[in-house]
């Protein structure tokens, strides 16, 4: 069953919440056959030219309180595993935040990455949706090893698309390109919505489902690997302290 978290507050015009959950039709294949296909894609990628390379992720700086002035948008931190999807002529590969190839561990997501593009580098998080649609953080590690069919990739940035480097574009332009690529999908690869409403309103909403932090991003920020002061991470704070 497909579920989504409905958040309070404003956001971009495309959607009102971050979509989580859902099942992909590719999961009707046996796990053994699926892993065999993923392994085949990886072997082919090693011999074909024109491969895209892993880009070290941009890391938000921890702050006590999120920015409330203009020029920032906010995204819910789902507390999943930071993951990068690379699609090119060699196939589909998924990497951990330190560049390790986790394609076989995330094989249901790899098989679902049949996106309308020739090449892409997508940044996001792998999560496990809980019964109410909110991320089930304690279940994530077990699902990777025992129930990978529960894994979902939530995309929040795109760095490359069909031969074009998007990392130098402002954040909102990258988000628009990402939405056009994956925004309508409610399956294994989903879009992470951003919000322009106050950080306090977002905290009130996410606190109800057990989440506690948001990532604030400058709307004009470029993607830069490593620690960043244009991406800020803040945990839930009381209204009295606001």
Protein backbone atom coordinates (compact mmCIF):
# COMPACT_ATOMS: atom_id res chain seq x y z
CA UNK A 1 0.00 0.00 0.00
CA UNK A 2 1.24 3.46 -0.83
CA UNK A 3 1.39 5.94 1.99
CA UNK A 4 2.70 9.45 2.37
CA UNK A 5 3.43 11.88 5.17
CA UNK A 6 1.28 14.98 4.89
CA UNK A 7 3.20 17.94 6.29
CA UNK A 8 1.86 21.25 7.54
CA UNK A 9 3.03 24.50 6.03
CA UNK A 10 3.82 25.78 2.57
CA UNK A 11 6.11 24.42 -0.08
CA UNK A 12 6.62 24.36 -3.79
CA UNK A 13 3.56 24.06 -6.00
CA UNK A 14 4.22 20.49 -7.07
CA UNK A 15 3.25 18.58 -3.93
CA UNK A 16 2.15 18.90 -0.33
CA UNK A 17 4.30 16.23 1.29
CA UNK A 18 7.24 13.91 1.10
CA UNK A 19 6.18 10.67 -0.47
CA UNK A 20 7.37 7.52 1.27
CA UNK A 21 6.42 3.89 0.97
CA UNK A 22 5.02 2.11 -2.04
CA UNK A 23 5.98 -1.04 -3.87
CA UNK A 24 7.60 -1.49 -7.26
CA UNK A 25 6.30 -3.93 -9.82
CA UNK A 26 9.80 -5.27 -10.33
CA UNK A 27 9.63 -7.00 -6.94
CA UNK A 28 7.57 -9.82 -8.42
CA UNK A 29 10.86 -11.23 -9.73
CA UNK A 30 12.69 -13.65 -7.51
CA UNK A 31 15.46 -12.26 -5.35
CA UNK A 32 17.99 -14.58 -6.96
CA UNK A 33 17.09 -13.49 -10.48
CA UNK A 34 17.15 -9.84 -9.44
CA UNK A 35 20.59 -10.11 -7.86
CA UNK A 36 21.85 -11.90 -10.97
CA UNK A 37 20.66 -9.05 -13.17
CA UNK A 38 22.23 -6.42 -10.90
CA UNK A 39 25.53 -8.33 -10.93
CA UNK A 40 25.37 -8.44 -14.72
CA UNK A 41 24.87 -4.68 -14.88
CA UNK A 42 27.88 -4.11 -12.63
CA UNK A 43 30.13 -6.37 -14.71
CA UNK A 44 29.08 -4.59 -17.90
CA UNK A 45 29.76 -1.23 -16.29
CA UNK A 46 33.36 -2.23 -15.62
CA UNK A 47 34.16 -2.77 -19.28
CA UNK A 48 32.10 -0.02 -20.92
CA UNK A 49 33.52 3.48 -21.30
CA UNK A 50 31.84 6.77 -20.47
CA UNK A 51 31.16 5.97 -16.83
CA UNK A 52 30.14 8.72 -14.45
CA UNK A 53 32.13 8.90 -11.23
CA UNK A 54 30.90 9.06 -7.64
CA UNK A 55 30.77 12.62 -6.27
CA UNK A 56 31.47 13.01 -2.52
CA UNK A 57 28.31 14.38 -0.88
CA UNK A 58 27.66 17.87 0.38
CA UNK A 59 27.44 17.75 4.18
CA UNK A 60 25.17 20.10 6.18
CA UNK A 61 26.57 22.00 9.15
CA UNK A 62 24.86 21.37 12.49
CA UNK A 63 23.28 24.46 14.05
CA UNK A 64 21.21 25.15 17.16
CA UNK A 65 18.36 26.84 15.29
CA UNK A 66 17.39 26.88 11.60
CA UNK A 67 17.47 30.12 9.59
CA UNK A 68 14.16 31.98 9.33
CA UNK A 69 15.18 34.78 6.98
CA UNK A 70 14.41 34.83 3.26
CA UNK A 71 16.43 32.84 0.78
CA UNK A 72 16.15 29.47 2.54
CA UNK A 73 13.97 26.39 2.04
CA UNK A 74 13.63 23.44 4.40
CA UNK A 75 13.52 19.69 3.88
CA UNK A 76 12.71 16.98 6.38
CA UNK A 77 15.71 14.90 7.43
CA UNK A 78 14.52 11.29 7.17
CA UNK A 79 17.49 9.85 9.09
CA UNK A 80 18.14 7.22 6.43
CA UNK A 81 21.38 6.12 4.77
CA UNK A 82 22.86 8.76 2.46
CA UNK A 83 23.04 7.21 -1.00
CA UNK A 84 23.98 8.27 -4.52
CA UNK A 85 22.43 6.70 -7.62
CA UNK A 86 24.49 6.78 -10.82
CA UNK A 87 22.88 5.90 -14.15
CA UNK A 88 24.97 5.75 -17.33
CA UNK A 89 25.68 3.53 -20.33
CA UNK A 90 27.15 0.95 -17.97
CA UNK A 91 23.91 0.50 -16.04
CA UNK A 92 22.79 1.53 -12.55
CA UNK A 93 25.01 1.75 -9.47
CA UNK A 94 24.26 2.83 -5.90
CA UNK A 95 26.95 4.18 -3.58
CA UNK A 96 27.11 4.81 0.15
CA UNK A 97 28.10 8.23 1.47
CA UNK A 98 31.78 7.23 1.48
CA UNK A 99 31.73 5.90 -2.08
CA UNK A 100 31.29 2.18 -1.47
CA UNK A 101 29.32 0.28 -4.11
CA UNK A 102 26.14 -0.97 -2.43
CA UNK A 103 24.26 -1.89 -5.60
CA UNK A 104 23.76 -5.53 -4.62
CA UNK A 105 22.54 -4.56 -1.13
CA UNK A 106 20.04 -2.11 -2.64
CA UNK A 107 19.09 -4.33 -5.59
CA UNK A 108 15.30 -3.56 -5.53
CA UNK A 109 16.09 0.14 -5.92
CA UNK A 110 18.64 -0.55 -8.66
CA UNK A 111 16.09 -2.55 -10.64
CA UNK A 112 13.48 0.19 -10.19
CA UNK A 113 15.79 2.94 -11.49
CA UNK A 114 14.39 2.82 -15.01
CA UNK A 115 14.11 6.59 -15.28
CA UNK A 116 13.53 8.60 -18.48
CA UNK A 117 17.17 9.61 -18.93
CA UNK A 118 20.40 8.35 -20.45
CA UNK A 119 22.63 9.41 -17.57
CA UNK A 120 22.15 10.90 -14.11
CA UNK A 121 23.70 11.33 -10.68
CA UNK A 122 21.05 11.59 -7.95
CA UNK A 123 21.63 12.32 -4.26
CA UNK A 124 19.24 11.09 -1.58
CA UNK A 125 18.52 8.76 1.33
CA UNK A 126 17.54 5.11 1.58
CA UNK A 127 14.80 4.56 4.15
CA UNK A 128 12.29 1.95 5.30
CA UNK A 129 8.70 3.26 5.53
CA UNK A 130 6.87 2.33 8.72
CA UNK A 131 3.24 1.33 9.11
CA UNK A 132 2.04 4.94 9.01
CA UNK A 133 4.33 5.88 6.13
CA UNK A 134 6.92 7.62 8.30
CA UNK A 135 10.53 6.34 8.20
CA UNK A 136 11.21 3.36 10.45
CA UNK A 137 14.83 4.09 11.36
CA UNK A 138 15.44 1.05 13.64
CA UNK A 139 14.24 -1.31 10.88
CA UNK A 140 16.60 0.03 8.20
CA UNK A 141 19.68 -2.03 9.01
CA UNK A 142 17.71 -5.27 9.30
CA UNK A 143 15.85 -4.59 6.05
CA UNK A 144 19.10 -4.17 4.11
CA UNK A 145 20.19 -7.69 5.03
CA UNK A 146 16.87 -9.52 5.40
CA UNK A 147 14.06 -7.59 3.65
CA UNK A 148 15.56 -5.38 0.92
CA UNK A 149 12.15 -5.21 -0.78
CA UNK A 150 11.15 -2.71 1.95
CA UNK A 151 13.84 -0.21 0.94
CA UNK A 152 12.87 3.10 -0.68
CA UNK A 153 15.16 5.78 -2.11
CA UNK A 154 14.07 9.38 -1.42
CA UNK A 155 15.80 11.76 -3.86
CA UNK A 156 16.56 15.35 -2.84
CA UNK A 157 19.17 16.55 -5.36
CA UNK A 158 20.48 15.88 -8.85
CA UNK A 159 24.06 16.62 -9.93
CA UNK A 160 24.18 15.39 -13.52
CA UNK A 161 21.58 14.78 -16.21
CA UNK A 162 22.16 13.52 -19.76
CA UNK A 163 25.63 14.97 -20.19
CA UNK A 164 24.98 18.22 -18.35
CA UNK A 165 26.65 19.11 -15.06
CA UNK A 166 23.89 20.46 -12.81
CA UNK A 167 26.00 20.90 -9.68
CA UNK A 168 26.79 24.51 -10.59
CA UNK A 169 23.11 25.45 -10.93
CA UNK A 170 21.17 27.06 -8.05
CA UNK A 171 19.38 24.62 -5.75
CA UNK A 172 15.84 25.37 -6.93
CA UNK A 173 16.80 24.78 -10.57
CA UNK A 174 18.26 21.41 -9.62
CA UNK A 175 15.13 20.57 -7.63
CA UNK A 176 12.97 21.40 -10.63
CA UNK A 177 15.03 19.09 -12.85
CA UNK A 178 14.81 16.37 -10.21
CA UNK A 179 11.03 16.74 -9.91
CA UNK A 180 10.62 16.40 -13.66
CA UNK A 181 12.65 13.19 -13.55
CA UNK A 182 11.25 11.40 -10.48
CA UNK A 183 8.56 13.62 -8.95
CA UNK A 184 5.59 11.56 -10.10
CA UNK A 185 6.92 8.25 -8.81
CA UNK A 186 5.42 6.75 -5.65
CA UNK A 187 7.40 3.53 -5.86
CA UNK A 188 10.96 2.70 -4.91
CA UNK A 189 12.39 6.07 -6.01
CA UNK A 190 10.57 9.12 -4.68
CA UNK A 191 10.96 12.89 -4.51
CA UNK A 192 11.77 14.84 -1.32
CA UNK A 193 9.64 17.98 -1.17
CA UNK A 194 11.03 21.28 0.08
CA UNK A 195 9.09 23.84 2.11
CA UNK A 196 9.13 27.61 2.27
CA UNK A 197 7.05 27.90 5.46
CA UNK A 198 8.61 28.64 8.84
CA UNK A 199 10.92 26.07 10.36
CA UNK A 200 8.81 26.03 13.53
CA UNK A 201 5.70 24.95 11.58
CA UNK A 202 7.65 22.10 9.99
CA UNK A 203 9.03 20.99 13.36
CA UNK A 204 5.50 20.86 14.79
CA UNK A 205 4.48 18.53 11.96
CA UNK A 206 7.44 16.16 11.97
CA UNK A 207 7.52 15.87 15.77
CA UNK A 208 4.13 14.14 15.59
CA UNK A 209 5.61 11.26 13.58
CA UNK A 210 8.80 10.89 15.58
CA UNK A 211 11.23 12.82 13.36
CA UNK A 212 13.31 15.55 14.88
CA UNK A 213 15.51 17.40 12.40
CA UNK A 214 15.34 19.40 9.18
CA UNK A 215 17.88 20.46 6.57
CA UNK A 216 17.76 24.13 5.58
CA UNK A 217 19.26 25.02 2.20
CA UNK A 218 20.03 28.29 0.47
CA UNK A 219 17.85 28.59 -2.63
CA UNK A 220 20.78 29.90 -4.67
CA UNK A 221 23.35 27.41 -3.37
CA UNK A 222 25.50 25.35 -5.72
CA UNK A 223 26.36 21.74 -4.93
CA UNK A 224 29.79 21.51 -3.32
CA UNK A 225 31.25 18.32 -1.84
CA UNK A 226 32.21 18.36 1.82
CA UNK A 227 31.03 20.46 4.79
CA UNK A 228 28.80 23.35 3.78
CA UNK A 229 27.39 26.49 5.41
CA UNK A 230 24.68 26.74 2.73
CA UNK A 231 23.14 23.51 4.03
CA UNK A 232 22.28 23.58 7.76
CA UNK A 233 20.92 20.81 9.97
CA UNK A 234 18.87 21.69 13.05
CA UNK A 235 17.13 19.38 15.51
CA UNK A 236 13.71 20.02 17.04
CA UNK A 237 13.59 23.03 19.35
CA UNK A 238 10.87 24.21 21.73
CA UNK A 239 8.75 27.19 20.73
CA UNK A 240 9.81 28.97 23.92
CA UNK A 241 13.39 28.84 22.70
CA UNK A 242 12.52 30.11 19.24
